[in-house]
Full PDB file with SEQRES, HELIX, SHEET, SSBOND, CRYST1, ORIGX, SCALE, CONECT and MASTER records, all heavy atoms in Angstrom:
SEQRES   1 A   40  SER SER ASP VAL LYS GLU ILE PHE LYS ALA THR GLU CYS          
SEQRES   2 A   40  VAL LEU VAL GLY GLU LYS SER PRO SER PHE TRP VAL ILE          
SEQRES   3 A   40  ALA ASN ALA ILE GLY MET PHE HIS GLN LYS HIS GLY VAL          
SEQRES   4 A   40  LEU                                                          
HELIX    1 AA1 SER A    2  LYS A    9  1                                   8    
HELIX    2 AA2 THR A   11  VAL A   14  1                                   4    
HELIX    3 AA3 SER A   22  HIS A   37  1                                  16    
CRYST1    1.000    1.000    1.000  90.00  90.00  90.00 P 1           1          
ORIGX1      1.000000  0.000000  0.000000        0.00000                         
ORIGX2      0.000000  1.000000  0.000000        0.00000                         
ORIGX3      0.000000  0.000000  1.000000        0.00000                         
SCALE1      1.000000  0.000000  0.000000        0.00000                         
SCALE2      0.000000  1.000000  0.000000        0.00000                         
SCALE3      0.000000  0.000000  1.000000        0.00000                         
ATOM      1  N   SER A   1     120.598 103.919  28.231  1.00  0.00           N  
ATOM      2  CA  SER A   1     121.353 103.094  29.174  1.00  0.00           C  
ATOM      3  C   SER A   1     121.890 103.956  30.309  1.00  0.00           C  
ATOM      4  O   SER A   1     121.873 105.191  30.250  1.00  0.00           O  
ATOM      5  CB  SER A   1     122.517 102.417  28.454  1.00  0.00           C  
ATOM      6  OG  SER A   1     123.465 103.389  28.030  1.00  0.00           O  
ATOM      7  N   SER A   2     122.390 103.306  31.345  1.00  0.00           N  
ATOM      8  CA  SER A   2     122.958 104.039  32.479  1.00  0.00           C  
ATOM      9  C   SER A   2     124.167 104.861  32.045  1.00  0.00           C  
ATOM     10  O   SER A   2     124.418 105.953  32.579  1.00  0.00           O  
ATOM     11  CB  SER A   2     123.349 103.061  33.591  1.00  0.00           C  
ATOM     12  OG  SER A   2     124.274 102.099  33.113  1.00  0.00           O  
ATOM     13  N   ASP A   3     124.946 104.338  31.074  1.00  0.00           N  
ATOM     14  CA  ASP A   3     126.109 105.083  30.571  1.00  0.00           C  
ATOM     15  C   ASP A   3     125.676 106.388  29.913  1.00  0.00           C  
ATOM     16  O   ASP A   3     126.316 107.427  30.096  1.00  0.00           O  
ATOM     17  CB  ASP A   3     126.887 104.230  29.570  1.00  0.00           C  
ATOM     18  CG  ASP A   3     127.638 103.093  30.234  1.00  0.00           C  
ATOM     19  OD1 ASP A   3     127.947 103.201  31.433  1.00  0.00           O  
ATOM     20  OD2 ASP A   3     127.902 102.082  29.551  1.00  0.00           O  
ATOM     21  N   VAL A   4     124.598 106.339  29.144  1.00  0.00           N  
ATOM     22  CA  VAL A   4     124.113 107.537  28.460  1.00  0.00           C  
ATOM     23  C   VAL A   4     123.553 108.535  29.472  1.00  0.00           C  
ATOM     24  O   VAL A   4     123.805 109.746  29.387  1.00  0.00           O  
ATOM     25  CB  VAL A   4     123.044 107.170  27.411  1.00  0.00           C  
ATOM     26  CG1 VAL A   4     122.457 108.418  26.766  1.00  0.00           C  
ATOM     27  CG2 VAL A   4     123.639 106.259  26.337  1.00  0.00           C  
ATOM     28  N   LYS A   5     122.813 108.034  30.456  1.00  0.00           N  
ATOM     29  CA  LYS A   5     122.268 108.920  31.493  1.00  0.00           C  
ATOM     30  C   LYS A   5     123.397 109.599  32.272  1.00  0.00           C  
ATOM     31  O   LYS A   5     123.281 110.763  32.671  1.00  0.00           O  
ATOM     32  CB  LYS A   5     121.377 108.120  32.442  1.00  0.00           C  
ATOM     33  CG  LYS A   5     120.064 107.660  31.812  1.00  0.00           C  
ATOM     34  CD  LYS A   5     119.242 106.841  32.808  1.00  0.00           C  
ATOM     35  CE  LYS A   5     117.926 106.365  32.185  1.00  0.00           C  
ATOM     36  NZ  LYS A   5     117.145 105.515  33.113  1.00  0.00           N  
ATOM     37  N   GLU A   6     124.485 108.851  32.486  1.00  0.00           N  
ATOM     38  CA  GLU A   6     125.638 109.428  33.190  1.00  0.00           C  
ATOM     39  C   GLU A   6     126.200 110.615  32.420  1.00  0.00           C  
ATOM     40  O   GLU A   6     126.596 111.627  33.010  1.00  0.00           O  
ATOM     41  CB  GLU A   6     126.719 108.359  33.367  1.00  0.00           C  
ATOM     42  CG  GLU A   6     127.989 108.859  34.041  1.00  0.00           C  
ATOM     43  CD  GLU A   6     129.120 107.859  33.998  1.00  0.00           C  
ATOM     44  OE1 GLU A   6     128.884 106.708  33.596  1.00  0.00           O  
ATOM     45  OE2 GLU A   6     130.249 108.245  34.348  1.00  0.00           O  
ATOM     46  N   ILE A   7     126.228 110.505  31.096  1.00  0.00           N  
ATOM     47  CA  ILE A   7     126.731 111.602  30.267  1.00  0.00           C  
ATOM     48  C   ILE A   7     125.814 112.812  30.357  1.00  0.00           C  
ATOM     49  O   ILE A   7     126.266 113.952  30.481  1.00  0.00           O  
ATOM     50  CB  ILE A   7     126.891 111.129  28.807  1.00  0.00           C  
ATOM     51  CG1 ILE A   7     128.031 110.110  28.719  1.00  0.00           C  
ATOM     52  CG2 ILE A   7     127.152 112.308  27.865  1.00  0.00           C  
ATOM     53  CD1 ILE A   7     128.189 109.468  27.369  1.00  0.00           C  
ATOM     54  N   PHE A   8     124.502 112.592  30.305  1.00  0.00           N  
ATOM     55  CA  PHE A   8     123.553 113.701  30.402  1.00  0.00           C  
ATOM     56  C   PHE A   8     123.675 114.435  31.738  1.00  0.00           C  
ATOM     57  O   PHE A   8     123.443 115.638  31.816  1.00  0.00           O  
ATOM     58  CB  PHE A   8     122.118 113.199  30.233  1.00  0.00           C  
ATOM     59  CG  PHE A   8     121.785 112.755  28.823  1.00  0.00           C  
ATOM     60  CD1 PHE A   8     120.721 111.880  28.588  1.00  0.00           C  
ATOM     61  CD2 PHE A   8     122.518 113.196  27.749  1.00  0.00           C  
ATOM     62  CE1 PHE A   8     120.409 111.474  27.297  1.00  0.00           C  
ATOM     63  CE2 PHE A   8     122.225 112.791  26.448  1.00  0.00           C  
ATOM     64  CZ  PHE A   8     121.163 111.927  26.224  1.00  0.00           C  
ATOM     65  N   LYS A   9     124.045 113.689  32.798  1.00  0.00           N  
ATOM     66  CA  LYS A   9     124.136 114.290  34.136  1.00  0.00           C  
ATOM     67  C   LYS A   9     125.521 114.857  34.434  1.00  0.00           C  
ATOM     68  O   LYS A   9     125.704 115.529  35.460  1.00  0.00           O  
ATOM     69  CB  LYS A   9     123.785 113.241  35.191  1.00  0.00           C  
ATOM     70  CG  LYS A   9     122.335 112.774  35.146  1.00  0.00           C  
ATOM     71  CD  LYS A   9     122.087 111.667  36.170  1.00  0.00           C  
ATOM     72  CE  LYS A   9     120.655 111.148  36.104  1.00  0.00           C  
ATOM     73  NZ  LYS A   9     120.443 110.027  37.057  1.00  0.00           N  
ATOM     74  N   ALA A  10     126.495 114.573  33.574  1.00  0.00           N  
ATOM     75  CA  ALA A  10     127.862 115.025  33.821  1.00  0.00           C  
ATOM     76  C   ALA A  10     127.925 116.549  33.887  1.00  0.00           C  
ATOM     77  O   ALA A  10     127.222 117.255  33.161  1.00  0.00           O  
ATOM     78  CB  ALA A  10     128.796 114.511  32.726  1.00  0.00           C  
ATOM     79  N   THR A  11     128.803 117.058  34.738  1.00  0.00           N  
ATOM     80  CA  THR A  11     128.957 118.506  34.885  1.00  0.00           C  
ATOM     81  C   THR A  11     129.323 119.154  33.565  1.00  0.00           C  
ATOM     82  O   THR A  11     128.822 120.238  33.222  1.00  0.00           O  
ATOM     83  CB  THR A  11     130.051 118.812  35.935  1.00  0.00           C  
ATOM     84  OG1 THR A  11     129.718 118.164  37.156  1.00  0.00           O  
ATOM     85  CG2 THR A  11     130.178 120.301  36.164  1.00  0.00           C  
ATOM     86  N   GLU A  12     130.190 118.497  32.790  1.00  0.00           N  
ATOM     87  CA  GLU A  12     130.612 119.058  31.504  1.00  0.00           C  
ATOM     88  C   GLU A  12     129.442 119.215  30.546  1.00  0.00           C  
ATOM     89  O   GLU A  12     129.440 120.095  29.686  1.00  0.00           O  
ATOM     90  CB  GLU A  12     131.679 118.169  30.860  1.00  0.00           C  
ATOM     91  CG  GLU A  12     132.965 118.053  31.662  1.00  0.00           C  
ATOM     92  CD  GLU A  12     132.976 116.837  32.575  1.00  0.00           C  
ATOM     93  OE1 GLU A  12     131.889 116.383  32.992  1.00  0.00           O  
ATOM     94  OE2 GLU A  12     134.067 116.324  32.856  1.00  0.00           O  
ATOM     95  N   CYS A  13     128.442 118.332  30.681  1.00  0.00           N  
ATOM     96  CA  CYS A  13     127.271 118.388  29.796  1.00  0.00           C  
ATOM     97  C   CYS A  13     126.273 119.440  30.272  1.00  0.00           C  
ATOM     98  O   CYS A  13     125.736 120.210  29.485  1.00  0.00           O  
ATOM     99  CB  CYS A  13     126.596 117.020  29.736  1.00  0.00           C  
ATOM    100  SG  CYS A  13     125.198 116.918  28.617  1.00  0.00           S  
ATOM    101  N   VAL A  14     126.047 119.480  31.567  1.00  0.00           N  
ATOM    102  CA  VAL A  14     125.061 120.419  32.131  1.00  0.00           C  
ATOM    103  C   VAL A  14     125.534 121.858  31.995  1.00  0.00           C  
ATOM    104  O   VAL A  14     124.742 122.764  31.691  1.00  0.00           O  
ATOM    105  CB  VAL A  14     124.793 120.075  33.611  1.00  0.00           C  
ATOM    106  CG1 VAL A  14     123.850 121.105  34.229  1.00  0.00           C  
ATOM    107  CG2 VAL A  14     124.208 118.674  33.733  1.00  0.00           C  
ATOM    108  N   LEU A  15     126.841 122.070  32.205  1.00  0.00           N  
ATOM    109  CA  LEU A  15     127.385 123.435  32.212  1.00  0.00           C  
ATOM    110  C   LEU A  15     128.208 123.714  30.958  1.00  0.00           C  
ATOM    111  O   LEU A  15     129.378 124.108  31.039  1.00  0.00           O  
ATOM    112  CB  LEU A  15     128.242 123.644  33.466  1.00  0.00           C  
ATOM    113  CG  LEU A  15     127.542 123.436  34.815  1.00  0.00           C  
ATOM    114  CD1 LEU A  15     128.520 123.611  35.954  1.00  0.00           C  
ATOM    115  CD2 LEU A  15     126.362 124.401  34.963  1.00  0.00           C  
ATOM    116  N   VAL A  16     127.623 123.499  29.782  1.00  0.00           N  
ATOM    117  CA  VAL A  16     128.351 123.799  28.545  1.00  0.00           C  
ATOM    118  C   VAL A  16     128.586 125.295  28.448  1.00  0.00           C  
ATOM    119  O   VAL A  16     127.751 126.112  28.866  1.00  0.00           O  
ATOM    120  CB  VAL A  16     127.598 123.288  27.297  1.00  0.00           C  
ATOM    121  CG1 VAL A  16     127.549 121.789  27.273  1.00  0.00           C  
ATOM    122  CG2 VAL A  16     126.206 123.886  27.208  1.00  0.00           C  
ATOM    123  N   GLY A  17     129.720 125.653  27.874  1.00  0.00           N  
ATOM    124  CA  GLY A  17     130.056 127.064  27.756  1.00  0.00           C  
ATOM    125  C   GLY A  17     130.762 127.355  26.454  1.00  0.00           C  
ATOM    126  O   GLY A  17     130.816 126.521  25.540  1.00  0.00           O  
ATOM    127  N   GLU A  18     131.353 128.524  26.385  1.00  0.00           N  
ATOM    128  CA  GLU A  18     131.988 128.993  25.160  1.00  0.00           C  
ATOM    129  C   GLU A  18     133.122 128.091  24.706  1.00  0.00           C  
ATOM    130  O   GLU A  18     133.322 127.864  23.519  1.00  0.00           O  
ATOM    131  CB  GLU A  18     132.511 130.415  25.383  1.00  0.00           C  
ATOM    132  CG  GLU A  18     133.173 131.033  24.156  1.00  0.00           C  
ATOM    133  CD  GLU A  18     133.717 132.416  24.432  1.00  0.00           C  
ATOM    134  OE1 GLU A  18     133.538 132.912  25.569  1.00  0.00           O  
ATOM    135  OE2 GLU A  18     134.326 132.994  23.517  1.00  0.00           O  
ATOM    136  N   LYS A  19     133.872 127.532  25.669  1.00  0.00           N  
ATOM    137  CA  LYS A  19     135.055 126.741  25.324  1.00  0.00           C  
ATOM    138  C   LYS A  19     134.830 125.235  25.469  1.00  0.00           C  
ATOM    139  O   LYS A  19     135.777 124.464  25.378  1.00  0.00           O  
ATOM    140  CB  LYS A  19     136.227 127.180  26.193  1.00  0.00           C  
ATOM    141  CG  LYS A  19     136.641 128.630  25.955  1.00  0.00           C  
ATOM    142  CD  LYS A  19     137.856 129.004  26.782  1.00  0.00           C  
ATOM    143  CE  LYS A  19     138.277 130.437  26.528  1.00  0.00           C  
ATOM    144  NZ  LYS A  19     139.466 130.822  27.331  1.00  0.00           N  
ATOM    145  N   SER A  20     133.594 124.821  25.675  1.00  0.00           N  
ATOM    146  CA  SER A  20     133.314 123.388  25.813  1.00  0.00           C  
ATOM    147  C   SER A  20     133.565 122.661  24.494  1.00  0.00           C  
ATOM    148  O   SER A  20     133.240 123.187  23.423  1.00  0.00           O  
ATOM    149  CB  SER A  20     131.857 123.165  26.229  1.00  0.00           C  
ATOM    150  OG  SER A  20     131.603 123.704  27.498  1.00  0.00           O  
ATOM    151  N   PRO A  21     134.145 121.459  24.536  1.00  0.00           N  
ATOM    152  CA  PRO A  21     134.278 120.670  23.302  1.00  0.00           C  
ATOM    153  C   PRO A  21     132.914 120.396  22.680  1.00  0.00           C  
ATOM    154  O   PRO A  21     131.890 120.351  23.373  1.00  0.00           O  
ATOM    155  CB  PRO A  21     134.930 119.372  23.795  1.00  0.00           C  
ATOM    156  CG  PRO A  21     135.610 119.732  25.078  1.00  0.00           C  
ATOM    157  CD  PRO A  21     134.750 120.791  25.700  1.00  0.00           C  
ATOM    158  N   SER A  22     132.909 120.216  21.369  1.00  0.00           N  
ATOM    159  CA  SER A  22     131.647 120.001  20.645  1.00  0.00           C  
ATOM    160  C   SER A  22     130.874 118.810  21.192  1.00  0.00           C  
ATOM    161  O   SER A  22     129.639 118.805  21.179  1.00  0.00           O  
ATOM    162  CB  SER A  22     131.928 119.801  19.152  1.00  0.00           C  
ATOM    163  OG  SER A  22     132.437 120.973  18.577  1.00  0.00           O  
ATOM    164  N   PHE A  23     131.600 117.787  21.670  1.00  0.00           N  
ATOM    165  CA  PHE A  23     130.925 116.599  22.191  1.00  0.00           C  
ATOM    166  C   PHE A  23     129.903 116.978  23.252  1.00  0.00           C  
ATOM    167  O   PHE A  23     128.771 116.492  23.246  1.00  0.00           O  
ATOM    168  CB  PHE A  23     131.940 115.618  22.775  1.00  0.00           C  
ATOM    169  CG  PHE A  23     131.315 114.453  23.502  1.00  0.00           C  
ATOM    170  CD1 PHE A  23     130.979 113.302  22.808  1.00  0.00           C  
ATOM    171  CD2 PHE A  23     131.024 114.517  24.856  1.00  0.00           C  
ATOM    172  CE1 PHE A  23     130.379 112.225  23.466  1.00  0.00           C  
ATOM    173  CE2 PHE A  23     130.435 113.454  25.524  1.00  0.00           C  
ATOM    174  CZ  PHE A  23     130.110 112.314  24.817  1.00  0.00           C  
ATOM    175  N   TRP A  24     130.305 117.851  24.183  1.00  0.00           N  
ATOM    176  CA  TRP A  24     129.417 118.183  25.293  1.00  0.00           C  
ATOM    177  C   TRP A  24     128.249 119.057  24.850  1.00  0.00           C  
ATOM    178  O   TRP A  24     127.147 118.957  25.398  1.00  0.00           O  
ATOM    179  CB  TRP A  24     130.203 118.849  26.413  1.00  0.00           C  
ATOM    180  CG  TRP A  24     131.177 117.906  27.052  1.00  0.00           C  
ATOM    181  CD1 TRP A  24     132.538 117.970  27.005  1.00  0.00           C  
ATOM    182  CD2 TRP A  24     130.855 116.735  27.813  1.00  0.00           C  
ATOM    183  NE1 TRP A  24     133.092 116.921  27.698  1.00  0.00           N  
ATOM    184  CE2 TRP A  24     132.090 116.145  28.211  1.00  0.00           C  
ATOM    185  CE3 TRP A  24     129.660 116.134  28.207  1.00  0.00           C  
ATOM    186  CZ2 TRP A  24     132.137 114.986  28.962  1.00  0.00           C  
ATOM    187  CZ3 TRP A  24     129.718 114.976  28.963  1.00  0.00           C  
ATOM    188  CH2 TRP A  24     130.944 114.417  29.338  1.00  0.00           C  
ATOM    189  N   VAL A  25     128.481 119.894  23.853  1.00  0.00           N  
ATOM    190  CA  VAL A  25     127.384 120.708  23.325  1.00  0.00           C  
ATOM    191  C   VAL A  25     126.338 119.804  22.668  1.00  0.00           C  
ATOM    192  O   VAL A  25     125.129 119.952  22.892  1.00  0.00           O  
ATOM    193  CB  VAL A  25     127.913 121.745  22.313  1.00  0.00           C  
ATOM    194  CG1 VAL A  25     126.764 122.575  21.739  1.00  0.00           C  
ATOM    195  CG2 VAL A  25     128.947 122.655  22.960  1.00  0.00           C  
ATOM    196  N   ILE A  26     126.805 118.845  21.866  1.00  0.00           N  
ATOM    197  CA  ILE A  26     125.878 117.922  21.200  1.00  0.00           C  
ATOM    198  C   ILE A  26     125.175 117.051  22.240  1.00  0.00           C  
ATOM    199  O   ILE A  26     123.970 116.778  22.134  1.00  0.00           O  
ATOM    200  CB  ILE A  26     126.623 117.060  20.163  1.00  0.00           C  
ATOM    201  CG1 ILE A  26     127.301 117.942  19.114  1.00  0.00           C  
ATOM    202  CG2 ILE A  26     125.661 116.095  19.480  1.00  0.00           C  
ATOM    203  CD1 ILE A  26     128.222 117.192  18.170  1.00  0.00           C  
ATOM    204  N   ALA A  27     125.925 116.582  23.245  1.00  0.00           N  
ATOM    205  CA  ALA A  27     125.315 115.757  24.297  1.00  0.00           C  
ATOM    206  C   ALA A  27     124.217 116.538  25.014  1.00  0.00           C  
ATOM    207  O   ALA A  27     123.140 115.992  25.309  1.00  0.00           O  
ATOM    208  CB  ALA A  27     126.387 115.314  25.289  1.00  0.00           C  
ATOM    209  N   ASN A  28     124.458 117.807  25.302  1.00  0.00           N  
ATOM    210  CA  ASN A  28     123.445 118.641  25.944  1.00  0.00           C  
ATOM    211  C   ASN A  28     122.221 118.779  25.045  1.00  0.00           C  
ATOM    212  O   ASN A  28     121.075 118.693  25.515  1.00  0.00           O  
ATOM    213  CB  ASN A  28     124.035 120.024  26.266  1.00  0.00           C  
ATOM    214  CG  ASN A  28     123.103 120.875  27.109  1.00  0.00           C  
ATOM    215  OD1 ASN A  28     121.971 121.144  26.730  1.00  0.00           O  
ATOM    216  ND2 ASN A  28     123.601 121.326  28.247  1.00  0.00           N  
ATOM    217  N   ALA A  29     122.454 118.964  23.741  1.00  0.00           N  
ATOM    218  CA  ALA A  29     121.341 119.116  22.797  1.00  0.00           C  
ATOM    219  C   ALA A  29     120.501 117.846  22.716  1.00  0.00           C  
ATOM    220  O   ALA A  29     119.265 117.905  22.662  1.00  0.00           O  
ATOM    221  CB  ALA A  29     121.891 119.475  21.414  1.00  0.00           C  
ATOM    222  N   ILE A  30     121.154 116.682  22.733  1.00  0.00           N  
ATOM    223  CA  ILE A  30     120.416 115.419  22.701  1.00  0.00           C  
ATOM    224  C   ILE A  30     119.708 115.199  24.037  1.00  0.00           C  
ATOM    225  O   ILE A  30     118.606 114.641  24.087  1.00  0.00           O  
ATOM    226  CB  ILE A  30     121.360 114.253  22.355  1.00  0.00           C  
ATOM    227  CG1 ILE A  30     121.812 114.375  20.902  1.00  0.00           C  
ATOM    228  CG2 ILE A  30     120.691 112.907  22.594  1.00  0.00           C  
ATOM    229  CD1 ILE A  30     122.687 113.271  20.400  1.00  0.00           C  
ATOM    230  N   GLY A  31     120.321 115.662  25.124  1.00  0.00           N  
ATOM    231  CA  GLY A  31     119.653 115.603  26.417  1.00  0.00           C  
ATOM    232  C   GLY A  31     118.369 116.430  26.421  1.00  0.00           C  
ATOM    233  O   GLY A  31     117.348 116.015  26.988  1.00  0.00           O  
ATOM    234  N   MET A  32     118.399 117.587  25.757  1.00  0.00           N  
ATOM    235  CA  MET A  32     117.197 118.411  25.619  1.00  0.00           C  
ATOM    236  C   MET A  32     116.130 117.663  24.826  1.00  0.00           C  
ATOM    237  O   MET A  32     114.938 117.694  25.172  1.00  0.00           O  
ATOM    238  CB  MET A  32     117.544 119.733  24.929  1.00  0.00           C  
ATOM    239  CG  MET A  32     118.440 120.656  25.753  1.00  0.00           C  
ATOM    240  SD  MET A  32     119.182 121.998  24.772  1.00  0.00           S  
ATOM    241  CE  MET A  32     117.725 122.846  24.187  1.00  0.00           C  
ATOM    242  N   PHE A  33     116.564 116.984  23.769  1.00  0.00           N  
ATOM    243  CA  PHE A  33     115.644 116.196  22.948  1.00  0.00           C  
ATOM    244  C   PHE A  33     114.994 115.102  23.791  1.00  0.00           C  
ATOM    245  O   PHE A  33     113.780 114.891  23.740  1.00  0.00           O  
ATOM    246  CB  PHE A  33     116.412 115.594  21.769  1.00  0.00           C  
ATOM    247  CG  PHE A  33     115.569 114.786  20.811  1.00  0.00           C  
ATOM    248  CD1 PHE A  33     115.075 115.352  19.656  1.00  0.00           C  
ATOM    249  CD2 PHE A  33     115.260 113.455  21.079  1.00  0.00           C  
ATOM    250  CE1 PHE A  33     114.298 114.616  18.756  1.00  0.00           C  
ATOM    251  CE2 PHE A  33     114.481 112.704  20.206  1.00  0.00           C  
ATOM    252  CZ  PHE A  33     114.002 113.301  19.039  1.00  0.00           C  
ATOM    253  N   HIS A  34     115.815 114.402  24.579  1.00  0.00           N  
ATOM    254  CA  HIS A  34     115.300 113.316  25.414  1.00  0.00           C  
ATOM    255  C   HIS A  34     114.341 113.837  26.480  1.00  0.00           C  
ATOM    256  O   HIS A  34     113.311 113.216  26.770  1.00  0.00           O  
ATOM    257  CB  HIS A  34     116.457 112.565  26.063  1.00  0.00           C  
ATOM    258  CG  HIS A  34     116.024 111.493  27.010  1.00  0.00           C  
ATOM    259  ND1 HIS A  34     115.987 111.678  28.383  1.00  0.00           N  
ATOM    260  CD2 HIS A  34     115.568 110.229  26.794  1.00  0.00           C  
ATOM    261  CE1 HIS A  34     115.555 110.581  28.960  1.00  0.00           C  
ATOM    262  NE2 HIS A  34     115.301 109.679  28.028  1.00  0.00           N  
ATOM    263  N   GLN A  35     114.688 114.971  27.073  1.00  0.00           N  
ATOM    264  CA  GLN A  35     113.821 115.543  28.100  1.00  0.00           C  
ATOM    265  C   GLN A  35     112.456 115.919  27.520  1.00  0.00           C  
ATOM    266  O   GLN A  35     111.431 115.785  28.187  1.00  0.00           O  
ATOM    267  CB  GLN A  35     114.494 116.774  28.704  1.00  0.00           C  
ATOM    268  CG  GLN A  35     113.803 117.306  29.948  1.00  0.00           C  
ATOM    269  CD  GLN A  35     114.610 118.399  30.612  1.00  0.00           C  
ATOM    270  OE1 GLN A  35     115.529 118.966  30.028  1.00  0.00           O  
ATOM    271  NE2 GLN A  35     114.277 118.706  31.850  1.00  0.00           N  
ATOM    272  N   LYS A  36     112.423 116.361  26.279  1.00  0.00           N  
ATOM    273  CA  LYS A  36     111.181 116.781  25.636  1.00  0.00           C  
ATOM    274  C   LYS A  36     110.336 115.596  25.189  1.00  0.00           C  
ATOM    275  O   LYS A  36     109.113 115.574  25.378  1.00  0.00           O  
ATOM    276  CB  LYS A  36     111.496 117.685  24.438  1.00  0.00           C  
ATOM    277  CG  LYS A  36     110.265 118.156  23.677  1.00  0.00           C  
ATOM    278  CD  LYS A  36     110.674 119.056  22.517  1.00  0.00           C  
ATOM    279  CE  LYS A  36     109.458 119.497  21.700  1.00  0.00           C  
ATOM    280  NZ  LYS A  36     109.869 120.361  20.556  1.00  0.00           N  
ATOM    281  N   HIS A  37     110.984 114.577  24.605  1.00  0.00           N  
ATOM    282  CA  HIS A  37     110.249 113.482  23.981  1.00  0.00           C  
ATOM    283  C   HIS A  37     110.281 112.179  24.780  1.00  0.00           C  
ATOM    284  O   HIS A  37     109.502 111.263  24.488  1.00  0.00           O  
ATOM    285  CB  HIS A  37     110.793 113.212  22.573  1.00  0.00           C  
ATOM    286  CG  HIS A  37     110.706 114.394  21.653  1.00  0.00           C  
ATOM    287  ND1 HIS A  37     109.526 114.823  21.094  1.00  0.00           N  
ATOM    288  CD2 HIS A  37     111.674 115.240  21.203  1.00  0.00           C  
ATOM    289  CE1 HIS A  37     109.758 115.877  20.321  1.00  0.00           C  
ATOM    290  NE2 HIS A  37     111.053 116.156  20.381  1.00  0.00           N  
ATOM    291  N   GLY A  38     111.193 112.076  25.736  1.00  0.00           N  
ATOM    292  CA  GLY A  38     111.294 110.844  26.513  1.00  0.00           C  
ATOM    293  C   GLY A  38     112.017 109.720  25.800  1.00  0.00           C  
ATOM    294  O   GLY A  38     112.082 108.599  26.307  1.00  0.00           O  
ATOM    295  N   VAL A  39     112.554 109.995  24.624  1.00  0.00           N  
ATOM    296  CA  VAL A  39     113.297 109.000  23.844  1.00  0.00           C  
ATOM    297  C   VAL A  39     114.507 109.675  23.211  1.00  0.00           C  
ATOM    298  O   VAL A  39     114.577 110.905  23.132  1.00  0.00           O  
ATOM    299  CB  VAL A  39     112.421 108.361  22.737  1.00  0.00           C  
ATOM    300  CG1 VAL A  39     111.334 107.494  23.322  1.00  0.00           C  
ATOM    301  CG2 VAL A  39     111.840 109.429  21.820  1.00  0.00           C  
ATOM    302  N   LEU A  40     115.443 108.873  22.741  1.00  0.00           N  
ATOM    303  CA  LEU A  40     116.582 109.381  21.991  1.00  0.00           C  
ATOM    304  C   LEU A  40     116.210 109.499  20.514  1.00  0.00           C  
ATOM    305  O   LEU A  40     115.199 108.940  20.077  1.00  0.00           O  
ATOM    306  CB  LEU A  40     117.770 108.432  22.157  1.00  0.00           C  
ATOM    307  CG  LEU A  40     118.331 108.283  23.576  1.00  0.00           C  
ATOM    308  CD1 LEU A  40     119.370 107.169  23.611  1.00  0.00           C  
ATOM    309  CD2 LEU A  40     118.927 109.592  24.061  1.00  0.00           C  
TER     310      LEU A  40                                                      
MASTER        0    0    0    3    0    0    0    6  309    1    0    4          
END                                                                             
């Protein structure tokens, strides 16, 4: 959905770092999955 795509594009998701909350790390990882397979 557009809401999910917004999360994948969010700065917090794209630029995860040492102190990022776990939510953004997991969101980035699922974004990697989606980019590879085209699905969630």
